[in-house]
Amino acid sequence: MRVALSLIAVVVLGIAAFEVTMQPSSAERAQLLIVFAVMAASIAVLAGLLARRLPRLRSLRVAVIALAVAAAVVVGVAAAVSARLMFLSVHDLNLLLVALGFGVGLGVVLAVAIADPLAGDLRKIRDTADRVAAGDLEARTGVDRPDEVGAAAGAIDGMVAQLAEVEQERIRSEQSRRNFLAALGHDLRTPLAAMRATVEALEDGLAPDPARYLRAMQSDLDAMNHLVDDLFLLATIEAGKLEVAREPVDLAELADDSIEALQPVAGRKAVRLRLEADGSVTALGGPAALGRVIRNLVDNAIRYAPADTDVVVRVSNGAGALVEVEDAGPGFPPDLLDSAFEGFVTGDPARARAAGGAGLGLAIAHGVVTAHGGEIWAAPGPGGRVAFRLPA
């Protein structure tokens, strides 16, 4: 339909130009109309043939040359018919046809000059697609041009870059998952081995103080229960199903409770715990959940603080309720600052600063703080510093 409308428009414009420039008689007008109609019908047939045949050609270069030749032939026929109507002599007509043939040859040369770079760029796009299909995500087309071919090449390069990013993320996630499972297996194996040894000692009658052995088993069971609770809580957080209470909570009081609960742990490592608070610092949230966040951060700080140093918990008012936990340990590696709170990342042994066993503490803290509408971050050293802020 588009070709038919275009042909009608060209015929109308040709007749109009003929009327303006030549002021023809009625006979000339009728004769020209017949010529235009025959040529338009011939072009319609030729366009239909080319539309069916050109897409089947195996070379774009051949297709462009065929189009150039077809266009030159159309121009030649139009010129020959026009010359015949003007009653040119045979000599003049032959000269015109030779000149038109020469023009066809020049058109073919021009078509080749245009088709070769175009075919080369399309070949680069095809080769890039083949390399990507074979698994080479570093492949790029290298095509830089402003037309549709350049847009297609840019889209392919962008797609491959995104695929490379997704693949890198998949590799990182897979490595983190393996590290996490290894750390989790270690955390489960240690208390299980201790309980197995205790049970065997009790069975063999080798336990001089059975009550003390049973207390040790209870401690190991508590550790396993705490780990299972952490796993369940982290799964709830990552599923987006964590529900938090909304009531006024004094974060300074929660920090003081956490320090008191962890004093025995700090004492065994010869680490001092100190609270610095601006009086009452109130936020809306769940006391149990926020208390767990502070305990996780303080416990993590104790784990990496050198002996005979302080772990300081600061609670202050400002742009919201702010809690900071600081220790004199090695601090967070620079490559961990942006991902320290992501699930499974802390199980990477190369990032042991954030890892407490299976390394669930920071991931849980991040999920709870985020659920309260706050933000949590790790600051660069010296020392380990973690802080979170809640709406006041």
Protein backbone atom coordinates (compact mmCIF):
# COMPACT_ATOMS: atom_id res chain seq x y z
CA MET A 1 0.00 0.00 0.00
CA ARG A 2 2.83 2.38 0.85
CA VAL A 3 4.51 1.72 -2.54
CA ALA A 4 1.26 2.33 -4.41
CA LEU A 5 0.63 5.64 -2.64
CA SER A 6 4.23 6.72 -3.27
CA LEU A 7 3.94 5.92 -6.98
CA ILE A 8 0.68 7.89 -7.29
CA ALA A 9 2.31 10.86 -5.55
CA VAL A 10 5.33 10.74 -7.91
CA VAL A 11 3.08 10.55 -10.99
CA VAL A 12 1.01 13.52 -9.81
CA LEU A 13 4.13 15.58 -9.07
CA GLY A 14 5.62 14.66 -12.48
CA ILE A 15 2.51 15.73 -14.34
CA ALA A 16 2.34 18.95 -12.34
CA ALA A 17 5.96 19.74 -13.17
CA PHE A 18 5.30 18.96 -16.84
CA GLU A 19 2.29 21.31 -16.86
CA VAL A 20 4.22 24.16 -15.26
CA THR A 21 7.38 23.90 -17.32
CA MET A 22 6.13 22.75 -20.76
CA GLN A 23 2.52 23.98 -21.00
CA PRO A 24 1.67 20.93 -23.16
CA SER A 25 -1.16 20.48 -25.59
CA SER A 26 -3.94 17.99 -24.92
CA ALA A 27 -2.31 15.33 -27.11
CA GLU A 28 1.06 15.74 -25.40
CA ARG A 29 -0.61 15.62 -22.00
CA ALA A 30 -2.41 12.36 -22.82
CA GLN A 31 0.74 10.84 -24.31
CA LEU A 32 2.81 11.72 -21.23
CA LEU A 33 0.14 10.41 -18.89
CA ILE A 34 0.23 7.04 -20.68
CA VAL A 35 4.04 6.91 -20.43
CA PHE A 36 3.96 7.79 -16.72
CA ALA A 37 1.29 5.20 -16.04
CA VAL A 38 3.22 2.45 -17.85
CA MET A 39 6.44 3.32 -16.05
CA ALA A 40 4.70 3.47 -12.66
CA ALA A 41 3.17 0.04 -13.26
CA SER A 42 6.58 -1.33 -14.29
CA ILE A 43 8.17 0.11 -11.15
CA ALA A 44 5.43 -1.44 -8.99
CA VAL A 45 6.18 -4.85 -10.50
CA LEU A 46 9.94 -4.33 -10.08
CA ALA A 47 9.50 -3.19 -6.46
CA GLY A 48 7.47 -6.30 -5.69
CA LEU A 49 10.14 -8.55 -7.18
CA LEU A 50 12.95 -6.81 -5.33
CA ALA A 51 11.06 -6.89 -2.03
CA ARG A 52 10.76 -10.66 -2.34
CA ARG A 53 14.20 -11.40 -3.74
CA LEU A 54 16.57 -9.03 -1.90
CA PRO A 55 15.95 -10.45 1.60
CA ARG A 56 16.92 -13.89 0.23
CA LEU A 57 20.32 -12.72 -0.98
CA ARG A 58 23.23 -13.96 1.14
CA SER A 59 25.17 -10.72 0.77
CA LEU A 60 24.16 -7.17 1.67
CA ARG A 61 26.78 -5.93 -0.77
CA VAL A 62 25.01 -7.68 -3.68
CA ALA A 63 21.64 -6.32 -2.50
CA VAL A 64 22.89 -2.71 -2.44
CA ILE A 65 24.49 -3.07 -5.89
CA ALA A 66 21.26 -4.60 -7.25
CA LEU A 67 19.28 -1.64 -5.93
CA ALA A 68 21.73 0.82 -7.49
CA VAL A 69 21.55 -0.93 -10.87
CA ALA A 70 17.76 -1.09 -10.71
CA ALA A 71 17.55 2.64 -9.94
CA ALA A 72 19.94 3.46 -12.77
CA VAL A 73 17.94 1.30 -15.21
CA VAL A 74 14.74 3.10 -14.23
CA VAL A 75 16.37 6.47 -14.81
CA GLY A 76 17.77 5.25 -18.12
CA VAL A 77 14.42 4.00 -19.37
CA ALA A 78 12.73 7.23 -18.33
CA ALA A 79 15.38 9.27 -20.14
CA ALA A 80 15.23 7.07 -23.27
CA VAL A 81 11.46 7.29 -23.50
CA SER A 82 11.57 11.04 -22.95
CA ALA A 83 14.21 11.41 -25.65
CA ARG A 84 12.16 9.32 -28.06
CA LEU A 85 9.18 11.54 -27.46
CA MET A 86 11.33 14.54 -28.27
CA PHE A 87 12.12 12.96 -31.66
CA LEU A 88 15.85 12.93 -31.12
CA SER A 89 17.99 11.57 -33.93
CA VAL A 90 19.36 8.07 -33.71
CA HIS A 91 22.84 9.51 -33.19
CA ASP A 92 21.70 11.71 -30.30
CA LEU A 93 19.70 8.86 -28.78
CA ASN A 94 22.71 6.52 -28.93
CA LEU A 95 24.87 9.16 -27.31
CA LEU A 96 22.32 9.57 -24.54
CA LEU A 97 22.21 5.81 -23.94
CA VAL A 98 26.03 5.60 -23.77
CA ALA A 99 26.09 8.42 -21.23
CA LEU A 100 23.38 6.65 -19.23
CA GLY A 101 25.37 3.40 -19.32
CA PHE A 102 28.40 5.25 -18.03
CA GLY A 103 26.24 6.69 -15.26
CA VAL A 104 25.06 3.17 -14.37
CA GLY A 105 28.69 2.08 -14.03
CA LEU A 106 29.46 5.02 -11.76
CA GLY A 107 26.38 4.21 -9.69
CA VAL A 108 27.60 0.65 -9.22
CA VAL A 109 30.98 1.94 -8.02
CA LEU A 110 29.23 4.28 -5.59
CA ALA A 111 27.01 1.44 -4.35
CA VAL A 112 30.07 -0.73 -3.71
CA ALA A 113 31.75 2.11 -1.80
CA ILE A 114 28.67 2.42 0.42
CA ALA A 115 27.93 -1.29 0.77
CA ASP A 116 31.40 -2.44 1.85
CA PRO A 117 31.60 -0.48 5.16
CA LEU A 118 27.97 -1.31 5.89
CA ALA A 119 28.53 -5.01 5.30
CA GLY A 120 31.71 -4.87 7.39
CA ASP A 121 29.88 -3.34 10.37
CA LEU A 122 27.07 -5.87 10.10
CA ARG A 123 29.68 -8.62 9.97
CA LYS A 124 31.16 -7.29 13.21
CA ILE A 125 27.72 -7.39 14.83
CA ARG A 126 27.22 -10.98 13.66
CA ASP A 127 30.65 -12.04 14.90
CA THR A 128 30.01 -10.42 18.27
CA ALA A 129 26.70 -12.26 18.61
CA ASP A 130 28.45 -15.55 17.76
CA ARG A 131 31.15 -14.93 20.38
CA VAL A 132 28.60 -14.07 23.04
CA ALA A 133 26.63 -17.20 22.19
CA ALA A 134 29.87 -19.16 22.71
CA GLY A 135 30.26 -17.63 26.19
CA ASP A 136 32.62 -14.71 25.55
CA LEU A 137 31.04 -11.86 27.51
CA GLU A 138 34.02 -9.58 26.82
CA ALA A 139 33.12 -9.36 23.11
CA ARG A 140 32.08 -5.95 21.74
CA THR A 141 31.16 -4.86 18.23
CA GLY A 142 33.37 -1.79 18.07
CA VAL A 143 30.85 -0.20 15.66
CA ASP A 144 30.41 3.54 16.15
CA ARG A 145 28.02 5.20 13.71
CA PRO A 146 24.90 7.37 14.19
CA ASP A 147 22.48 5.41 11.97
CA GLU A 148 20.26 2.38 12.64
CA VAL A 149 23.20 -0.02 12.28
CA GLY A 150 25.08 1.92 14.96
CA ALA A 151 22.00 1.87 17.19
CA ALA A 152 21.73 -1.91 16.78
CA ALA A 153 25.45 -2.33 17.59
CA GLY A 154 25.09 -0.11 20.66
CA ALA A 155 22.10 -2.12 21.86
CA ILE A 156 24.06 -5.36 21.47
CA ASP A 157 27.09 -3.95 23.30
CA GLY A 158 24.86 -2.72 26.12
CA MET A 159 23.12 -6.08 26.35
CA VAL A 160 26.45 -7.92 26.52
CA ALA A 161 27.71 -5.54 29.23
CA GLN A 162 24.58 -6.21 31.28
CA LEU A 163 25.01 -9.95 30.80
CA ALA A 164 28.61 -9.65 32.00
CA GLU A 165 27.45 -7.78 35.13
CA VAL A 166 24.77 -10.38 35.83
CA GLU A 167 27.31 -13.17 35.39
CA GLN A 168 29.76 -11.49 37.76
CA GLU A 169 27.01 -11.03 40.32
CA ARG A 170 26.03 -14.67 39.94
CA ILE A 171 29.62 -15.75 40.52
CA ARG A 172 29.90 -13.53 43.60
CA SER A 173 26.59 -14.81 44.98
CA GLU A 174 27.59 -18.39 44.36
CA GLN A 175 30.94 -17.88 46.08
CA SER A 176 29.25 -16.13 49.00
CA ARG A 177 26.73 -18.93 49.31
CA ARG A 178 29.48 -21.55 49.39
CA ASN A 179 31.43 -19.60 52.00
CA PHE A 180 28.29 -19.10 54.06
CA LEU A 181 27.41 -22.79 54.00
CA ALA A 182 30.98 -23.69 54.96
CA ALA A 183 30.92 -21.27 57.90
CA LEU A 184 27.48 -22.47 58.94
CA GLY A 185 28.63 -26.09 58.84
CA HIS A 186 31.60 -25.17 61.04
CA ASP A 187 29.36 -23.40 63.56
CA LEU A 188 27.08 -26.43 63.76
CA ARG A 189 29.88 -28.97 63.81
CA THR A 190 31.68 -27.41 66.79
CA PRO A 191 28.86 -27.67 69.38
CA LEU A 192 27.76 -31.03 67.96
CA ALA A 193 31.27 -32.42 68.40
CA ALA A 194 31.41 -31.06 71.94
CA MET A 195 28.03 -32.56 72.84
CA ARG A 196 29.03 -35.90 71.31
CA ALA A 197 32.19 -35.96 73.45
CA THR A 198 30.17 -35.04 76.54
CA VAL A 199 27.58 -37.76 75.92
CA GLU A 200 30.31 -40.37 75.37
CA ALA A 201 32.05 -39.31 78.58
CA LEU A 202 28.78 -39.58 80.52
CA GLU A 203 27.99 -42.98 78.95
CA ASP A 204 31.45 -44.33 79.78
CA GLY A 205 31.36 -42.99 83.31
CA LEU A 206 34.37 -40.78 82.66
CA ALA A 207 32.70 -37.53 83.74
CA PRO A 208 33.90 -36.66 87.29
CA ASP A 209 31.28 -33.87 87.54
CA PRO A 210 28.16 -34.86 85.51
CA ALA A 211 26.36 -31.65 86.43
CA ARG A 212 29.15 -29.54 84.91
CA TYR A 213 29.09 -31.68 81.75
CA LEU A 214 25.33 -31.21 81.47
CA ARG A 215 25.72 -27.44 81.86
CA ALA A 216 28.26 -27.50 79.02
CA MET A 217 25.79 -29.42 76.86
CA GLN A 218 23.11 -26.87 77.70
CA SER A 219 25.45 -24.09 76.61
CA ASP A 220 26.11 -25.86 73.31
CA LEU A 221 22.39 -26.39 72.80
CA ASP A 222 21.78 -22.71 73.48
CA ALA A 223 24.40 -21.79 70.86
CA MET A 224 22.76 -24.05 68.27
CA ASN A 225 19.32 -22.73 69.15
CA HIS A 226 20.58 -19.15 68.76
CA LEU A 227 22.05 -19.99 65.35
CA VAL A 228 18.77 -21.57 64.19
CA ASP A 229 16.85 -18.53 65.43
CA ASP A 230 19.22 -16.26 63.48
CA LEU A 231 18.69 -18.29 60.32
CA PHE A 232 14.93 -18.14 60.70
CA LEU A 233 15.00 -14.40 61.37
CA LEU A 234 17.26 -13.76 58.37
CA ALA A 235 14.94 -15.81 56.14
CA THR A 236 11.99 -13.76 57.41
CA ILE A 237 13.85 -10.51 56.71
CA GLU A 238 14.88 -11.51 53.18
CA ALA A 239 11.31 -12.63 52.43
CA GLY A 240 10.12 -9.14 53.42
CA LYS A 241 7.84 -10.53 56.13
CA LEU A 242 9.48 -9.03 59.22
CA GLU A 243 6.89 -7.22 61.34
CA VAL A 244 8.06 -4.69 63.93
CA ALA A 245 6.26 -3.03 66.80
CA ARG A 246 5.82 0.75 66.84
CA GLU A 247 6.21 2.11 70.35
CA PRO A 248 8.52 4.65 72.00
CA VAL A 249 11.85 3.01 72.82
CA ASP A 250 14.79 4.46 74.76
CA LEU A 251 17.84 3.40 72.76
CA ALA A 252 20.19 4.47 75.55
CA GLU A 253 18.45 2.05 77.91
CA LEU A 254 18.62 -0.75 75.32
CA ALA A 255 22.34 -0.06 74.87
CA ASP A 256 22.88 -0.21 78.61
CA ASP A 257 21.02 -3.55 78.80
CA SER A 258 23.12 -4.95 75.94
CA ILE A 259 26.37 -3.89 77.62
CA GLU A 260 25.28 -5.49 80.88
CA ALA A 261 24.34 -8.76 79.13
CA LEU A 262 27.65 -8.92 77.25
CA GLN A 263 29.94 -7.99 80.15
CA PRO A 264 30.88 -11.65 80.79
CA VAL A 265 31.81 -12.12 77.10
CA ALA A 266 33.90 -8.94 77.14
CA GLY A 267 35.53 -9.95 80.42
CA ARG A 268 36.76 -13.24 78.98
CA LYS A 269 38.56 -11.27 76.25
CA ALA A 270 39.81 -8.54 78.61
CA VAL A 271 37.77 -5.94 76.72
CA ARG A 272 36.07 -3.03 78.47
CA LEU A 273 32.57 -1.87 77.47
CA ARG A 274 31.65 1.81 77.81
CA LEU A 275 28.40 3.66 77.13
CA GLU A 276 28.27 7.32 76.14
CA ALA A 277 24.68 8.59 75.92
CA ASP A 278 22.94 11.96 75.63
CA GLY A 279 20.41 11.08 78.28
CA SER A 280 17.23 9.52 76.91
CA VAL A 281 17.31 8.92 73.13
CA THR A 282 13.86 7.89 71.93
CA ALA A 283 12.77 6.26 68.68
CA LEU A 284 9.70 4.32 67.53
CA GLY A 285 10.20 0.58 67.17
CA GLY A 286 10.26 -2.84 68.74
CA PRO A 287 12.37 -3.03 71.93
CA ALA A 288 13.31 -6.69 71.43
CA ALA A 289 14.31 -6.26 67.78
CA LEU A 290 16.32 -3.07 68.35
CA GLY A 291 17.93 -4.56 71.43
CA ARG A 292 19.04 -7.50 69.32
CA VAL A 293 20.59 -5.13 66.77
CA ILE A 294 22.66 -3.38 69.45
CA ARG A 295 23.74 -6.68 71.01
CA ASN A 296 24.79 -8.00 67.59
CA LEU A 297 26.91 -4.92 66.92
CA VAL A 298 28.50 -4.92 70.39
CA ASP A 299 29.17 -8.67 70.23
CA ASN A 300 30.80 -8.22 66.83
CA ALA A 301 32.98 -5.41 68.21
CA ILE A 302 34.06 -7.55 71.19
CA ARG A 303 34.97 -10.37 68.86
CA TYR A 304 37.57 -8.25 67.04
CA ALA A 305 38.69 -5.82 69.73
CA PRO A 306 42.26 -6.41 70.99
CA ALA A 307 42.73 -7.26 74.66
CA ASP A 308 42.86 -4.36 77.12
CA THR A 309 40.97 -1.99 74.80
CA ASP A 310 37.53 -0.35 74.92
CA VAL A 311 34.38 -0.97 72.95
CA VAL A 312 32.43 2.28 73.03
CA VAL A 313 28.69 2.53 72.42
CA ARG A 314 27.51 6.10 71.71
CA VAL A 315 23.83 6.99 71.69
CA SER A 316 22.86 10.52 70.70
CA ASN A 317 20.12 12.74 69.35
CA GLY A 318 20.56 14.66 66.14
CA ALA A 319 19.03 14.10 62.73
CA GLY A 320 17.20 11.16 64.27
CA ALA A 321 18.29 8.72 66.97
CA LEU A 322 21.90 7.65 66.36
CA VAL A 323 23.72 4.60 67.77
CA GLU A 324 27.43 4.09 67.10
CA VAL A 325 29.59 1.11 68.12
CA GLU A 326 33.36 1.55 67.91
CA ASP A 327 36.27 -0.78 68.70
CA ALA A 328 40.04 -0.68 68.32
CA GLY A 329 40.20 -3.73 66.08
CA PRO A 330 41.52 -4.00 62.51
CA GLY A 331 38.45 -2.32 61.03
CA PHE A 332 36.51 -3.18 57.91
CA PRO A 333 38.36 -3.86 54.64
CA PRO A 334 37.61 -1.09 52.11
CA ASP A 335 35.99 -3.54 49.69
CA LEU A 336 33.52 -4.60 52.39
CA LEU A 337 32.14 -1.20 53.40
CA ASP A 338 29.43 -1.19 50.73
CA SER A 339 28.41 -4.84 51.13
CA ALA A 340 29.06 -5.67 54.79
CA PHE A 341 25.33 -5.98 55.52
CA GLU A 342 24.34 -8.09 52.53
CA GLY A 343 23.10 -11.59 53.14
CA PHE A 344 25.76 -14.32 52.91
CA VAL A 345 28.58 -11.85 52.16
CA THR A 346 29.91 -12.00 55.71
CA GLY A 347 30.58 -15.72 55.38
CA ASP A 348 33.52 -14.98 53.07
CA PRO A 349 36.71 -15.79 55.00
CA ALA A 350 38.51 -13.04 53.10
CA ARG A 351 36.14 -10.62 54.78
CA ALA A 352 36.49 -11.95 58.27
CA ARG A 353 36.13 -8.53 59.92
CA ALA A 354 32.37 -8.72 59.58
CA ALA A 355 32.11 -12.44 60.19
CA GLY A 356 30.95 -13.77 63.51
CA GLY A 357 30.87 -17.46 62.75
CA ALA A 358 28.42 -17.73 59.88
CA GLY A 359 28.30 -13.94 59.89
CA LEU A 360 24.56 -13.39 60.29
CA GLY A 361 24.74 -10.55 62.81
CA LEU A 362 25.24 -7.63 60.44
CA ALA A 363 22.74 -8.97 57.89
CA ILE A 364 20.11 -9.27 60.63
CA ALA A 365 20.95 -5.81 61.96
CA HIS A 366 20.55 -4.33 58.47
CA GLY A 367 17.17 -6.02 57.97
CA VAL A 368 15.79 -4.90 61.33
CA VAL A 369 16.99 -1.30 61.00
CA THR A 370 15.65 -1.04 57.46
CA ALA A 371 12.29 -2.42 58.59
CA HIS A 372 12.19 0.43 61.14
CA GLY A 373 12.71 2.99 58.38
CA GLY A 374 16.31 3.66 59.37
CA GLU A 375 19.76 3.27 57.83
CA ILE A 376 22.88 1.41 58.93
CA TRP A 377 26.44 1.68 57.69
CA ALA A 378 30.05 0.72 58.34
CA ALA A 379 32.64 3.50 58.51
CA PRO A 380 36.27 3.23 57.37
CA GLY A 381 39.00 2.75 59.95
CA PRO A 382 41.14 3.07 61.90
CA GLY A 383 39.20 0.72 64.13
CA GLY A 384 35.87 -0.90 63.51
CA ARG A 385 32.92 1.47 63.44
CA VAL A 386 29.29 0.61 62.75
CA ALA A 387 26.37 3.00 63.21
CA PHE A 388 22.64 3.14 62.57
CA ARG A 389 20.12 5.95 62.62
CA LEU A 390 16.35 5.73 63.25
CA PRO A 391 13.69 8.40 62.81
CA ALA A 392 13.29 10.23 66.13
